[in-house]
Amino acid sequence: MNIINLTPHSIVLDVDGVQTTFPTSGIVARVSQVTVGTGMFIAGAEISTSTFGAVEMPATIDGTMFIVSAMVLTALGNSRLDVIAPKTDATAIRNEAGHIVAVKGWLQ
């Protein structure tokens, strides 16, 4: 199976200590977003609301899975079965600063 990473950074998968890196493809899947100010302010900054819309990403390719962000995965709902997102829950491997350096699995 071909796996294409549509996130802006490499993803490292760790399965039983064996790590596989999926480098970024140079194409980033995005969700369109419209942000509107509410006219209300907290501590001098305006509160806004966002509406998310269409996902911009390549069409389905037979035998290929696409790695996308959790936001893209959520926006797609169940409309595509060829997308996965890194599982960034408590099972993820983090460095001393708390940044994720590898994931143990995928979300679909």
PDB file of N, CA and C in Angstrom:
ATOM      1  N   MET A   1       0.841  -1.182   0.000  1.00  0.00           N
ATOM      2  CA  MET A   1       0.000   0.000   0.000  1.00  0.00           C
ATOM      3  C   MET A   1       0.884   1.243   0.000  1.00  0.00           C
ATOM      4  N   ASN A   2       0.512   2.223  -0.792  1.00  0.00           N
ATOM      5  CA  ASN A   2       1.205   3.505  -0.849  1.00  0.00           C
ATOM      6  C   ASN A   2       0.599   4.433   0.201  1.00  0.00           C
ATOM      7  N   ILE A   3       1.445   5.137   0.959  1.00  0.00           N
ATOM      8  CA  ILE A   3       0.966   6.078   1.973  1.00  0.00           C
ATOM      9  C   ILE A   3       1.579   7.432   1.675  1.00  0.00           C
ATOM     10  N   ILE A   4       0.723   8.447   1.500  1.00  0.00           N
ATOM     11  CA  ILE A   4       1.174   9.803   1.184  1.00  0.00           C
ATOM     12  C   ILE A   4       0.822  10.719   2.349  1.00  0.00           C
ATOM     13  N   ASN A   5       1.818  11.426   2.863  1.00  0.00           N
ATOM     14  CA  ASN A   5       1.649  12.333   3.994  1.00  0.00           C
ATOM     15  C   ASN A   5       1.235  13.714   3.483  1.00  0.00           C
ATOM     16  N   LEU A   6       0.013  14.117   3.795  1.00  0.00           N
ATOM     17  CA  LEU A   6      -0.502  15.423   3.396  1.00  0.00           C
ATOM     18  C   LEU A   6      -0.503  16.424   4.552  1.00  0.00           C
ATOM     19  N   THR A   7       0.400  16.214   5.532  1.00  0.00           N
ATOM     20  CA  THR A   7       0.567  17.189   6.617  1.00  0.00           C
ATOM     21  C   THR A   7       1.841  17.985   6.338  1.00  0.00           C
ATOM     22  N   PRO A   8       2.031  19.114   7.021  1.00  0.00           N
ATOM     23  CA  PRO A   8       3.212  19.944   6.744  1.00  0.00           C
ATOM     24  C   PRO A   8       4.502  19.474   7.416  1.00  0.00           C
ATOM     25  N   HIS A   9       4.459  18.316   8.090  1.00  0.00           N
ATOM     26  CA  HIS A   9       5.667  17.825   8.754  1.00  0.00           C
ATOM     27  C   HIS A   9       5.724  16.307   8.669  1.00  0.00           C
ATOM     28  N   SER A  10       6.911  15.750   8.825  1.00  0.00           N
ATOM     29  CA  SER A  10       7.070  14.300   8.801  1.00  0.00           C
ATOM     30  C   SER A  10       6.322  13.671   9.970  1.00  0.00           C
ATOM     31  N   ILE A  11       5.806  12.476   9.736  1.00  0.00           N
ATOM     32  CA  ILE A  11       5.118  11.718  10.780  1.00  0.00           C
ATOM     33  C   ILE A  11       5.934  10.453  11.032  1.00  0.00           C
ATOM     34  N   VAL A  12       6.220  10.191  12.306  1.00  0.00           N
ATOM     35  CA  VAL A  12       6.960   8.987  12.682  1.00  0.00           C
ATOM     36  C   VAL A  12       5.984   8.041  13.371  1.00  0.00           C
ATOM     37  N   LEU A  13       5.886   6.830  12.846  1.00  0.00           N
ATOM     38  CA  LEU A  13       5.058   5.782  13.420  1.00  0.00           C
ATOM     39  C   LEU A  13       5.971   4.807  14.155  1.00  0.00           C
ATOM     40  N   ASP A  14       5.644   4.493  15.407  1.00  0.00           N
ATOM     41  CA  ASP A  14       6.431   3.564  16.216  1.00  0.00           C
ATOM     42  C   ASP A  14       5.567   2.346  16.537  1.00  0.00           C
ATOM     43  N   VAL A  15       5.928   1.201  15.968  1.00  0.00           N
ATOM     44  CA  VAL A  15       5.220  -0.046  16.246  1.00  0.00           C
ATOM     45  C   VAL A  15       6.210  -0.990  16.916  1.00  0.00           C
ATOM     46  N   ASP A  16       6.003  -1.206  18.212  1.00  0.00           N
ATOM     47  CA  ASP A  16       6.881  -2.093  18.992  1.00  0.00           C
ATOM     48  C   ASP A  16       8.349  -1.695  18.884  1.00  0.00           C
ATOM     49  N   GLY A  17       8.620  -0.397  18.906  1.00  0.00           N
ATOM     50  CA  GLY A  17       9.991   0.101  18.876  1.00  0.00           C
ATOM     51  C   GLY A  17      10.583   0.250  17.491  1.00  0.00           C
ATOM     52  N   VAL A  18       9.894  -0.225  16.477  1.00  0.00           N
ATOM     53  CA  VAL A  18      10.359  -0.060  15.091  1.00  0.00           C
ATOM     54  C   VAL A  18       9.696   1.186  14.525  1.00  0.00           C
ATOM     55  N   GLN A  19      10.525   2.147  14.138  1.00  0.00           N
ATOM     56  CA  GLN A  19       9.997   3.423  13.668  1.00  0.00           C
ATOM     57  C   GLN A  19      10.062   3.540  12.152  1.00  0.00           C
ATOM     58  N   THR A  20       8.962   4.038  11.579  1.00  0.00           N
ATOM     59  CA  THR A  20       8.868   4.322  10.159  1.00  0.00           C
ATOM     60  C   THR A  20       8.510   5.789  10.014  1.00  0.00           C
ATOM     61  N   THR A  21       9.265   6.502   9.179  1.00  0.00           N
ATOM     62  CA  THR A  21       9.011   7.926   8.961  1.00  0.00           C
ATOM     63  C   THR A  21       8.297   8.117   7.628  1.00  0.00           C
ATOM     64  N   PHE A  22       7.236   8.911   7.676  1.00  0.00           N
ATOM     65  CA  PHE A  22       6.491   9.284   6.480  1.00  0.00           C
ATOM     66  C   PHE A  22       6.774  10.765   6.228  1.00  0.00           C
ATOM     67  N   PRO A  23       7.682  11.078   5.300  1.00  0.00           N
ATOM     68  CA  PRO A  23       8.018  12.480   5.053  1.00  0.00           C
ATOM     69  C   PRO A  23       6.849  13.219   4.415  1.00  0.00           C
ATOM     70  N   THR A  24       6.840  14.524   4.618  1.00  0.00           N
ATOM     71  CA  THR A  24       5.796  15.329   3.996  1.00  0.00           C
ATOM     72  C   THR A  24       5.926  15.241   2.479  1.00  0.00           C
ATOM     73  N   SER A  25       4.799  15.243   1.807  1.00  0.00           N
ATOM     74  CA  SER A  25       4.794  15.111   0.349  1.00  0.00           C
ATOM     75  C   SER A  25       4.973  16.453  -0.351  1.00  0.00           C
ATOM     76  N   GLY A  26       4.851  17.530   0.406  1.00  0.00           N
ATOM     77  CA  GLY A  26       4.871  18.861  -0.209  1.00  0.00           C
ATOM     78  C   GLY A  26       3.479  19.355  -0.556  1.00  0.00           C
ATOM     79  N   ILE A  27       2.487  18.469  -0.424  1.00  0.00           N
ATOM     80  CA  ILE A  27       1.080  18.839  -0.615  1.00  0.00           C
ATOM     81  C   ILE A  27       0.434  18.764   0.757  1.00  0.00           C
ATOM     82  N   VAL A  28      -0.278  19.816   1.150  1.00  0.00           N
ATOM     83  CA  VAL A  28      -0.907  19.840   2.469  1.00  0.00           C
ATOM     84  C   VAL A  28      -2.422  19.903   2.295  1.00  0.00           C
ATOM     85  N   ALA A  29      -3.123  18.919   2.883  1.00  0.00           N
ATOM     86  CA  ALA A  29      -4.588  18.933   2.881  1.00  0.00           C
ATOM     87  C   ALA A  29      -5.056  20.023   3.831  1.00  0.00           C
ATOM     88  N   ARG A  30      -6.016  20.808   3.389  1.00  0.00           N
ATOM     89  CA  ARG A  30      -6.510  21.936   4.190  1.00  0.00           C
ATOM     90  C   ARG A  30      -8.033  21.933   4.242  1.00  0.00           C
ATOM     91  N   VAL A  31      -8.565  22.515   5.308  1.00  0.00           N
ATOM     92  CA  VAL A  31      -9.999  22.733   5.455  1.00  0.00           C
ATOM     93  C   VAL A  31     -10.232  24.225   5.287  1.00  0.00           C
ATOM     94  N   SER A  32     -11.173  24.587   4.411  1.00  0.00           N
ATOM     95  CA  SER A  32     -11.479  26.015   4.260  1.00  0.00           C
ATOM     96  C   SER A  32     -12.119  26.517   5.551  1.00  0.00           C
ATOM     97  N   GLN A  33     -11.873  27.784   5.850  1.00  0.00           N
ATOM     98  CA  GLN A  33     -12.343  28.352   7.104  1.00  0.00           C
ATOM     99  C   GLN A  33     -12.776  29.792   6.879  1.00  0.00           C
ATOM    100  N   VAL A  34     -13.927  30.144   7.438  1.00  0.00           N
ATOM    101  CA  VAL A  34     -14.403  31.525   7.409  1.00  0.00           C
ATOM    102  C   VAL A  34     -14.526  31.979   8.855  1.00  0.00           C
ATOM    103  N   THR A  35     -13.840  33.054   9.189  1.00  0.00           N
ATOM    104  CA  THR A  35     -13.857  33.588  10.548  1.00  0.00           C
ATOM    105  C   THR A  35     -14.566  34.935  10.557  1.00  0.00           C
ATOM    106  N   VAL A  36     -15.478  35.114  11.516  1.00  0.00           N
ATOM    107  CA  VAL A  36     -16.266  36.338  11.609  1.00  0.00           C
ATOM    108  C   VAL A  36     -16.175  36.867  13.035  1.00  0.00           C
ATOM    109  N   GLY A  37     -15.883  38.154  13.163  1.00  0.00           N
ATOM    110  CA  GLY A  37     -15.850  38.781  14.478  1.00  0.00           C
ATOM    111  C   GLY A  37     -17.240  38.890  15.065  1.00  0.00           C
ATOM    112  N   THR A  38     -17.344  38.751  16.387  1.00  0.00           N
ATOM    113  CA  THR A  38     -18.644  38.809  17.065  1.00  0.00           C
ATOM    114  C   THR A  38     -18.964  40.200  17.581  1.00  0.00           C
ATOM    115  N   GLY A  39     -17.953  41.068  17.597  1.00  0.00           N
ATOM    116  CA  GLY A  39     -18.158  42.389  18.172  1.00  0.00           C
ATOM    117  C   GLY A  39     -17.982  42.399  19.685  1.00  0.00           C
ATOM    118  N   MET A  40     -17.690  41.241  20.273  1.00  0.00           N
ATOM    119  CA  MET A  40     -17.441  41.154  21.713  1.00  0.00           C
ATOM    120  C   MET A  40     -15.937  41.016  21.934  1.00  0.00           C
ATOM    121  N   PHE A  41     -15.477  41.562  23.055  1.00  0.00           N
ATOM    122  CA  PHE A  41     -14.047  41.583  23.332  1.00  0.00           C
ATOM    123  C   PHE A  41     -13.758  41.051  24.731  1.00  0.00           C
ATOM    124  N   ILE A  42     -12.633  40.375  24.862  1.00  0.00           N
ATOM    125  CA  ILE A  42     -12.128  39.960  26.169  1.00  0.00           C
ATOM    126  C   ILE A  42     -10.672  40.379  26.237  1.00  0.00           C
ATOM    127  N   ALA A  43     -10.329  41.129  27.280  1.00  0.00           N
ATOM    128  CA  ALA A  43      -8.970  41.628  27.500  1.00  0.00           C
ATOM    129  C   ALA A  43      -8.461  42.385  26.269  1.00  0.00           C
ATOM    130  N   GLY A  44      -9.354  43.076  25.580  1.00  0.00           N
ATOM    131  CA  GLY A  44      -8.972  43.889  24.435  1.00  0.00           C
ATOM    132  C   GLY A  44      -8.929  43.167  23.108  1.00  0.00           C
ATOM    133  N   ALA A  45      -9.124  41.854  23.107  1.00  0.00           N
ATOM    134  CA  ALA A  45      -9.083  41.080  21.860  1.00  0.00           C
ATOM    135  C   ALA A  45     -10.493  40.636  21.481  1.00  0.00           C
ATOM    136  N   GLU A  46     -10.810  40.787  20.190  1.00  0.00           N
ATOM    137  CA  GLU A  46     -12.149  40.416  19.738  1.00  0.00           C
ATOM    138  C   GLU A  46     -12.335  38.901  19.736  1.00  0.00           C
ATOM    139  N   ILE A  47     -13.521  38.463  20.105  1.00  0.00           N
ATOM    140  CA  ILE A  47     -13.914  37.060  20.024  1.00  0.00           C
ATOM    141  C   ILE A  47     -14.464  36.830  18.623  1.00  0.00           C
ATOM    142  N   SER A  48     -14.024  35.773  17.982  1.00  0.00           N
ATOM    143  CA  SER A  48     -14.492  35.432  16.637  1.00  0.00           C
ATOM    144  C   SER A  48     -15.081  34.032  16.643  1.00  0.00           C
ATOM    145  N   THR A  49     -15.880  33.745  15.626  1.00  0.00           N
ATOM    146  CA  THR A  49     -16.378  32.390  15.410  1.00  0.00           C
ATOM    147  C   THR A  49     -15.865  31.922  14.058  1.00  0.00           C
ATOM    148  N   SER A  50     -15.679  30.608  13.923  1.00  0.00           N
ATOM    149  CA  SER A  50     -15.200  30.035  12.669  1.00  0.00           C
ATOM    150  C   SER A  50     -16.173  28.986  12.165  1.00  0.00           C
ATOM    151  N   THR A  51     -16.324  28.964  10.873  1.00  0.00           N
ATOM    152  CA  THR A  51     -17.090  27.923  10.197  1.00  0.00           C
ATOM    153  C   THR A  51     -16.135  27.207   9.260  1.00  0.00           C
ATOM    154  N   PHE A  52     -16.151  25.894   9.311  1.00  0.00           N
ATOM    155  CA  PHE A  52     -15.254  25.113   8.479  1.00  0.00           C
ATOM    156  C   PHE A  52     -16.037  24.521   7.321  1.00  0.00           C
ATOM    157  N   GLY A  53     -15.396  24.463   6.165  1.00  0.00           N
ATOM    158  CA  GLY A  53     -16.081  24.019   4.962  1.00  0.00           C
ATOM    159  C   GLY A  53     -15.375  22.887   4.256  1.00  0.00           C
ATOM    160  N   ALA A  54     -15.182  23.070   2.971  1.00  0.00           N
ATOM    161  CA  ALA A  54     -14.645  22.020   2.099  1.00  0.00           C
ATOM    162  C   ALA A  54     -13.184  21.708   2.411  1.00  0.00           C
ATOM    163  N   VAL A  55     -12.823  20.457   2.145  1.00  0.00           N
ATOM    164  CA  VAL A  55     -11.438  20.004   2.300  1.00  0.00           C
ATOM    165  C   VAL A  55     -10.769  20.051   0.936  1.00  0.00           C
ATOM    166  N   GLU A  56      -9.563  20.599   0.918  1.00  0.00           N
ATOM    167  CA  GLU A  56      -8.760  20.647  -0.304  1.00  0.00           C
ATOM    168  C   GLU A  56      -7.664  19.598  -0.185  1.00  0.00           C
ATOM    169  N   MET A  57      -7.777  18.546  -1.014  1.00  0.00           N
ATOM    170  CA  MET A  57      -6.785  17.475  -1.027  1.00  0.00           C
ATOM    171  C   MET A  57      -6.936  16.687  -2.319  1.00  0.00           C
ATOM    172  N   PRO A  58      -5.946  15.858  -2.642  1.00  0.00           N
ATOM    173  CA  PRO A  58      -6.021  15.080  -3.882  1.00  0.00           C
ATOM    174  C   PRO A  58      -7.211  14.118  -3.900  1.00  0.00           C
ATOM    175  N   ALA A  59      -7.615  13.755  -5.099  1.00  0.00           N
ATOM    176  CA  ALA A  59      -8.672  12.759  -5.281  1.00  0.00           C
ATOM    177  C   ALA A  59      -8.155  11.386  -4.857  1.00  0.00           C
ATOM    178  N   THR A  60      -9.068  10.477  -4.654  1.00  0.00           N
ATOM    179  CA  THR A  60      -8.736   9.101  -4.300  1.00  0.00           C
ATOM    180  C   THR A  60      -7.841   8.471  -5.363  1.00  0.00           C
ATOM    181  N   ILE A  61      -6.842   7.710  -4.895  1.00  0.00           N
ATOM    182  CA  ILE A  61      -5.943   6.954  -5.770  1.00  0.00           C
ATOM    183  C   ILE A  61      -5.985   5.500  -5.299  1.00  0.00           C
ATOM    184  N   ASP A  62      -6.303   4.585  -6.193  1.00  0.00           N
ATOM    185  CA  ASP A  62      -6.372   3.162  -5.821  1.00  0.00           C
ATOM    186  C   ASP A  62      -5.074   2.718  -5.143  1.00  0.00           C
ATOM    187  N   GLY A  63      -5.212   2.002  -4.017  1.00  0.00           N
ATOM    188  CA  GLY A  63      -4.055   1.455  -3.321  1.00  0.00           C
ATOM    189  C   GLY A  63      -3.273   2.473  -2.515  1.00  0.00           C
ATOM    190  N   THR A  64      -3.866   3.658  -2.288  1.00  0.00           N
ATOM    191  CA  THR A  64      -3.157   4.728  -1.576  1.00  0.00           C
ATOM    192  C   THR A  64      -3.970   5.217  -0.387  1.00  0.00           C
ATOM    193  N   MET A  65      -3.282   5.387   0.743  1.00  0.00           N
ATOM    194  CA  MET A  65      -3.862   6.032   1.924  1.00  0.00           C
ATOM    195  C   MET A  65      -3.189   7.385   2.079  1.00  0.00           C
ATOM    196  N   PHE A  66      -3.943   8.356   2.567  1.00  0.00           N
ATOM    197  CA  PHE A  66      -3.421   9.705   2.796  1.00  0.00           C
ATOM    198  C   PHE A  66      -3.397   9.985   4.295  1.00  0.00           C
ATOM    199  N   ILE A  67      -2.251  10.459   4.788  1.00  0.00           N
ATOM    200  CA  ILE A  67      -2.153  10.933   6.168  1.00  0.00           C
ATOM    201  C   ILE A  67      -2.553  12.397   6.164  1.00  0.00           C
ATOM    202  N   VAL A  68      -3.540  12.742   7.006  1.00  0.00           N
ATOM    203  CA  VAL A  68      -4.020  14.119   7.121  1.00  0.00           C
ATOM    204  C   VAL A  68      -4.055  14.508   8.593  1.00  0.00           C
ATOM    205  N   SER A  69      -4.292  15.766   8.868  1.00  0.00           N
ATOM    206  CA  SER A  69      -4.432  16.216  10.251  1.00  0.00           C
ATOM    207  C   SER A  69      -5.771  15.739  10.814  1.00  0.00           C
ATOM    208  N   ALA A  70      -5.884  15.729  12.126  1.00  0.00           N
ATOM    209  CA  ALA A  70      -7.144  15.348  12.767  1.00  0.00           C
ATOM    210  C   ALA A  70      -8.269  16.292  12.360  1.00  0.00           C
ATOM    211  N   MET A  71      -7.937  17.563  12.143  1.00  0.00           N
ATOM    212  CA  MET A  71      -8.962  18.529  11.729  1.00  0.00           C
ATOM    213  C   MET A  71      -9.519  18.168  10.351  1.00  0.00           C
ATOM    214  N   VAL A  72      -8.635  17.814   9.427  1.00  0.00           N
ATOM    215  CA  VAL A  72      -9.072  17.410   8.082  1.00  0.00           C
ATOM    216  C   VAL A  72      -9.898  16.128   8.178  1.00  0.00           C
ATOM    217  N   LEU A  73      -9.425  15.161   8.959  1.00  0.00           N
ATOM    218  CA  LEU A  73     -10.151  13.905   9.128  1.00  0.00           C
ATOM    219  C   LEU A  73     -11.560  14.163   9.651  1.00  0.00           C
ATOM    220  N   THR A  74     -11.685  15.033  10.640  1.00  0.00           N
ATOM    221  CA  THR A  74     -12.991  15.369  11.208  1.00  0.00           C
ATOM    222  C   THR A  74     -13.880  16.048  10.178  1.00  0.00           C
ATOM    223  N   ALA A  75     -13.315  16.977   9.420  1.00  0.00           N
ATOM    224  CA  ALA A  75     -14.093  17.689   8.403  1.00  0.00           C
ATOM    225  C   ALA A  75     -14.611  16.744   7.320  1.00  0.00           C
ATOM    226  N   LEU A  76     -13.842  15.709   7.011  1.00  0.00           N
ATOM    227  CA  LEU A  76     -14.262  14.745   5.993  1.00  0.00           C
ATOM    228  C   LEU A  76     -15.366  13.812   6.492  1.00  0.00           C
ATOM    229  N   GLY A  77     -15.466  13.649   7.809  1.00  0.00           N
ATOM    230  CA  GLY A  77     -16.455  12.723   8.349  1.00  0.00           C
ATOM    231  C   GLY A  77     -16.185  11.322   7.823  1.00  0.00           C
ATOM    232  N   ASN A  78     -17.203  10.660   7.366  1.00  0.00           N
ATOM    233  CA  ASN A  78     -17.051   9.310   6.816  1.00  0.00           C
ATOM    234  C   ASN A  78     -17.077   9.319   5.296  1.00  0.00           C
ATOM    235  N   SER A  79     -16.810  10.473   4.694  1.00  0.00           N
ATOM    236  CA  SER A  79     -16.935  10.581   3.235  1.00  0.00           C
ATOM    237  C   SER A  79     -15.791   9.926   2.467  1.00  0.00           C
ATOM    238  N   ARG A  80     -14.659   9.686   3.143  1.00  0.00           N
ATOM    239  CA  ARG A  80     -13.521   9.038   2.473  1.00  0.00           C
ATOM    240  C   ARG A  80     -12.893   8.021   3.402  1.00  0.00           C
ATOM    241  N   LEU A  81     -12.666   6.835   2.878  1.00  0.00           N
ATOM    242  CA  LEU A  81     -12.049   5.772   3.662  1.00  0.00           C
ATOM    243  C   LEU A  81     -10.562   5.659   3.398  1.00  0.00           C
ATOM    244  N   ASP A  82     -10.005   6.562   2.587  1.00  0.00           N
ATOM    245  CA  ASP A  82      -8.584   6.520   2.239  1.00  0.00           C
ATOM    246  C   ASP A  82      -7.767   7.541   3.006  1.00  0.00           C
ATOM    247  N   VAL A  83      -8.284   7.993   4.163  1.00  0.00           N
ATOM    248  CA  VAL A  83      -7.565   8.971   4.974  1.00  0.00           C
ATOM    249  C   VAL A  83      -7.387   8.451   6.400  1.00  0.00           C
ATOM    250  N   ILE A  84      -6.232   8.758   6.966  1.00  0.00           N
ATOM    251  CA  ILE A  84      -5.919   8.448   8.350  1.00  0.00           C
ATOM    252  C   ILE A  84      -5.236   9.669   8.958  1.00  0.00           C
ATOM    253  N   ALA A  85      -5.313   9.782  10.269  1.00  0.00           N
ATOM    254  CA  ALA A  85      -4.628  10.863  10.986  1.00  0.00           C
ATOM    255  C   ALA A  85      -3.783  10.244  12.086  1.00  0.00           C
ATOM    256  N   PRO A  86      -2.666  10.879  12.429  1.00  0.00           N
ATOM    257  CA  PRO A  86      -1.843  10.368  13.530  1.00  0.00           C
ATOM    258  C   PRO A  86      -2.639  10.351  14.837  1.00  0.00           C
ATOM    259  N   LYS A  87      -2.503   9.283  15.583  1.00  0.00           N
ATOM    260  CA  LYS A  87      -3.171   9.134  16.887  1.00  0.00           C
ATOM    261  C   LYS A  87      -2.311   9.833  17.936  1.00  0.00           C
ATOM    262  N   THR A  88      -2.712  11.034  18.315  1.00  0.00           N
ATOM    263  CA  THR A  88      -1.889  11.884  19.191  1.00  0.00           C
ATOM    264  C   THR A  88      -2.376  11.890  20.637  1.00  0.00           C
ATOM    265  N   ASP A  89      -2.960  10.782  21.066  1.00  0.00           N
ATOM    266  CA  ASP A  89      -3.447  10.685  22.437  1.00  0.00           C
ATOM    267  C   ASP A  89      -2.299  10.373  23.399  1.00  0.00           C
ATOM    268  N   ALA A  90      -2.617   9.859  24.559  1.00  0.00           N
ATOM    269  CA  ALA A  90      -1.603   9.573  25.590  1.00  0.00           C
ATOM    270  C   ALA A  90      -0.617   8.490  25.173  1.00  0.00           C
ATOM    271  N   THR A  91      -0.913   7.722  24.125  1.00  0.00           N
ATOM    272  CA  THR A  91       0.013   6.680  23.673  1.00  0.00           C
ATOM    273  C   THR A  91       1.163   7.251  22.837  1.00  0.00           C
ATOM    274  N   ALA A  92       1.046   8.484  22.379  1.00  0.00           N
ATOM    275  CA  ALA A  92       2.098   9.098  21.561  1.00  0.00           C
ATOM    276  C   ALA A  92       3.383   9.234  22.377  1.00  0.00           C
ATOM    277  N   ILE A  93       4.509   9.126  21.693  1.00  0.00           N
ATOM    278  CA  ILE A  93       5.822   9.276  22.337  1.00  0.00           C
ATOM    279  C   ILE A  93       6.205  10.743  22.292  1.00  0.00           C
ATOM    280  N   ARG A  94       6.547  11.285  23.441  1.00  0.00           N
ATOM    281  CA  ARG A  94       6.869  12.715  23.553  1.00  0.00           C
ATOM    282  C   ARG A  94       8.299  12.907  24.054  1.00  0.00           C
ATOM    283  N   ASN A  95       8.892  14.033  23.660  1.00  0.00           N
ATOM    284  CA  ASN A  95      10.223  14.362  24.154  1.00  0.00           C
ATOM    285  C   ASN A  95      10.103  15.077  25.495  1.00  0.00           C
ATOM    286  N   GLU A  96      11.237  15.482  26.049  1.00  0.00           N
ATOM    287  CA  GLU A  96      11.240  16.113  27.374  1.00  0.00           C
ATOM    288  C   GLU A  96      10.477  17.436  27.410  1.00  0.00           C
ATOM    289  N   ALA A  97      10.295  18.078  26.259  1.00  0.00           N
ATOM    290  CA  ALA A  97       9.523  19.317  26.190  1.00  0.00           C
ATOM    291  C   ALA A  97       8.033  19.055  25.981  1.00  0.00           C
ATOM    292  N   GLY A  98       7.658  17.781  25.843  1.00  0.00           N
ATOM    293  CA  GLY A  98       6.257  17.437  25.667  1.00  0.00           C
ATOM    294  C   GLY A  98       5.792  17.387  24.219  1.00  0.00           C
ATOM    295  N   HIS A  99       6.714  17.607  23.287  1.00  0.00           N
ATOM    296  CA  HIS A  99       6.357  17.564  21.866  1.00  0.00           C
ATOM    297  C   HIS A  99       6.300  16.112  21.372  1.00  0.00           C
ATOM    298  N   ILE A 100       5.326  15.824  20.527  1.00  0.00           N
ATOM    299  CA  ILE A 100       5.200  14.473  19.981  1.00  0.00           C
ATOM    300  C   ILE A 100       6.328  14.202  19.008  1.00  0.00           C
ATOM    301  N   VAL A 101       7.022  13.082  19.193  1.00  0.00           N
ATOM    302  CA  VAL A 101       8.094  12.679  18.279  1.00  0.00           C
ATOM    303  C   VAL A 101       7.723  11.434  17.484  1.00  0.00           C
ATOM    304  N   ALA A 102       6.719  10.692  17.961  1.00  0.00           N
ATOM    305  CA  ALA A 102       6.244   9.506  17.235  1.00  0.00           C
ATOM    306  C   ALA A 102       4.846   9.165  17.738  1.00  0.00           C
ATOM    307  N   VAL A 103       4.090   8.517  16.876  1.00  0.00           N
ATOM    308  CA  VAL A 103       2.765   8.041  17.257  1.00  0.00           C
ATOM    309  C   VAL A 103       2.745   6.526  17.204  1.00  0.00           C
ATOM    310  N   LYS A 104       1.806   5.940  17.939  1.00  0.00           N
ATOM    311  CA  LYS A 104       1.710   4.479  18.010  1.00  0.00           C
ATOM    312  C   LYS A 104       0.620   3.926  17.099  1.00  0.00           C
ATOM    313  N   GLY A 105      -0.140   4.801  16.466  1.00  0.00           N
ATOM    314  CA  GLY A 105      -1.226   4.313  15.629  1.00  0.00           C
ATOM    315  C   GLY A 105      -1.910   5.439  14.871  1.00  0.00           C
ATOM    316  N   TRP A 106      -3.033   5.084  14.262  1.00  0.00           N
ATOM    317  CA  TRP A 106      -3.770   5.989  13.374  1.00  0.00           C
ATOM    318  C   TRP A 106      -5.222   6.110  13.811  1.00  0.00           C
ATOM    319  N   LEU A 107      -5.845   7.191  13.417  1.00  0.00           N
ATOM    320  CA  LEU A 107      -7.287   7.381  13.559  1.00  0.00           C
ATOM    321  C   LEU A 107      -7.909   7.324  12.172  1.00  0.00           C
ATOM    322  N   GLN A 108      -9.132   6.818  12.082  1.00  0.00           N
ATOM    323  CA  GLN A 108      -9.838   6.864  10.792  1.00  0.00           C
ATOM    324  C   GLN A 108     -11.268   7.244  11.016  1.00  0.00           C
TER     325      GLN A 108
END
